[in-house]
């Protein structure tokens, strides 16, 4: 299985902290692999989606890995009659 894309860490700050590394998985399997590896290494992970609420809460004690979900932006199901949609974690609201 290919490694998730590594990206520059500069834009992933959270409350004054920068991650040691950042990955942008392109599939659910890549998310699983990244989290499995982070867990095995004892890394602290912060998931970065739309980045609309990163200023809330206190600063993290540790921030080893930023997991950017923006490549996971597919609409999986849409039921207009029920006013529901199932989307992946990187989907932004318009």
Protein backbone atom coordinates (compact mmCIF):
# COMPACT_ATOMS: atom_id res chain seq x y z
CA UNK A 1 0.00 0.00 0.00
CA UNK A 2 1.41 3.44 -0.90
CA UNK A 3 2.24 5.92 1.84
CA UNK A 4 -0.14 8.88 2.27
CA UNK A 5 1.19 12.06 0.72
CA UNK A 6 3.51 13.98 3.02
CA UNK A 7 2.89 17.72 3.04
CA UNK A 8 4.61 20.78 4.48
CA UNK A 9 3.79 21.30 8.15
CA UNK A 10 3.74 25.12 8.22
CA UNK A 11 0.00 25.57 7.69
CA UNK A 12 -1.10 23.01 10.27
CA UNK A 13 -0.47 24.95 13.48
CA UNK A 14 -2.93 24.49 16.33
CA UNK A 15 -2.92 27.00 19.17
CA UNK A 16 0.76 27.83 18.72
CA UNK A 17 1.94 24.26 18.10
CA UNK A 18 3.31 22.77 14.90
CA UNK A 19 3.17 19.06 14.07
CA UNK A 20 6.34 17.04 13.65
CA UNK A 21 4.99 15.74 10.37
CA UNK A 22 1.86 15.91 8.25
CA UNK A 23 0.17 13.38 5.98
CA UNK A 24 -2.74 13.74 3.56
CA UNK A 25 -4.23 10.28 2.98
CA UNK A 26 -6.19 9.75 -0.21
CA UNK A 27 -8.22 6.75 0.94
CA UNK A 28 -9.74 5.22 4.05
CA UNK A 29 -7.07 2.49 3.90
CA UNK A 30 -4.34 5.15 3.98
CA UNK A 31 -5.99 6.77 7.02
CA UNK A 32 -5.98 3.38 8.74
CA UNK A 33 -2.32 2.82 7.88
CA UNK A 34 -1.30 6.29 9.07
CA UNK A 35 -3.15 5.88 12.38
CA UNK A 36 -1.78 2.38 12.88
CA UNK A 37 1.79 3.66 12.36
CA UNK A 38 1.21 6.68 14.62
CA UNK A 39 -0.19 4.45 17.36
CA UNK A 40 2.75 2.06 17.11
CA UNK A 41 5.15 5.02 17.39
CA UNK A 42 3.23 6.54 20.33
CA UNK A 43 2.50 9.71 18.35
CA UNK A 44 -0.15 12.28 19.26
CA UNK A 45 -2.42 12.88 16.24
CA UNK A 46 -4.64 15.84 15.42
CA UNK A 47 -7.06 15.42 12.53
CA UNK A 48 -7.28 18.45 10.24
CA UNK A 49 -10.40 18.64 8.09
CA UNK A 50 -11.93 21.95 7.06
CA UNK A 51 -9.80 23.72 9.71
CA UNK A 52 -12.77 25.79 10.85
CA UNK A 53 -12.43 25.10 14.58
CA UNK A 54 -8.68 24.85 15.21
CA UNK A 55 -8.70 27.93 17.45
CA UNK A 56 -11.07 26.39 20.00
CA UNK A 57 -9.94 24.69 23.17
CA UNK A 58 -6.58 24.78 24.86
CA UNK A 59 -3.26 24.09 23.17
CA UNK A 60 -2.44 20.41 22.74
CA UNK A 61 0.22 18.98 25.05
CA UNK A 62 1.77 17.13 22.12
CA UNK A 63 1.29 17.34 18.38
CA UNK A 64 3.35 14.81 16.50
CA UNK A 65 1.22 14.18 13.41
CA UNK A 66 -1.32 16.29 11.52
CA UNK A 67 -3.67 14.03 9.58
CA UNK A 68 -5.14 16.18 6.79
CA UNK A 69 -8.44 14.74 5.52
CA UNK A 70 -9.02 17.24 2.70
CA UNK A 71 -8.31 14.62 0.00
CA UNK A 72 -11.25 12.61 1.37
CA UNK A 73 -13.98 14.85 -0.02
CA UNK A 74 -16.42 12.54 -1.79
CA UNK A 75 -20.19 12.54 -1.42
CA UNK A 76 -20.98 8.91 -0.60
CA UNK A 77 -24.77 9.18 -0.57
CA UNK A 78 -27.36 11.90 -1.02
CA UNK A 79 -31.05 11.50 -0.16
CA UNK A 80 -32.71 14.83 -1.04
CA UNK A 81 -36.14 13.65 0.08
CA UNK A 82 -34.71 12.95 3.56
CA UNK A 83 -32.48 16.06 3.60
CA UNK A 84 -29.44 13.86 4.32
CA UNK A 85 -26.03 13.34 2.82
CA UNK A 86 -23.21 11.01 3.75
CA UNK A 87 -19.81 12.55 3.02
CA UNK A 88 -16.18 11.79 3.72
CA UNK A 89 -14.25 13.58 6.48
CA UNK A 90 -12.61 16.17 4.21
CA UNK A 91 -15.82 17.52 2.65
CA UNK A 92 -16.29 21.26 3.19
CA UNK A 93 -19.68 22.87 3.61
CA UNK A 94 -20.49 25.52 1.04
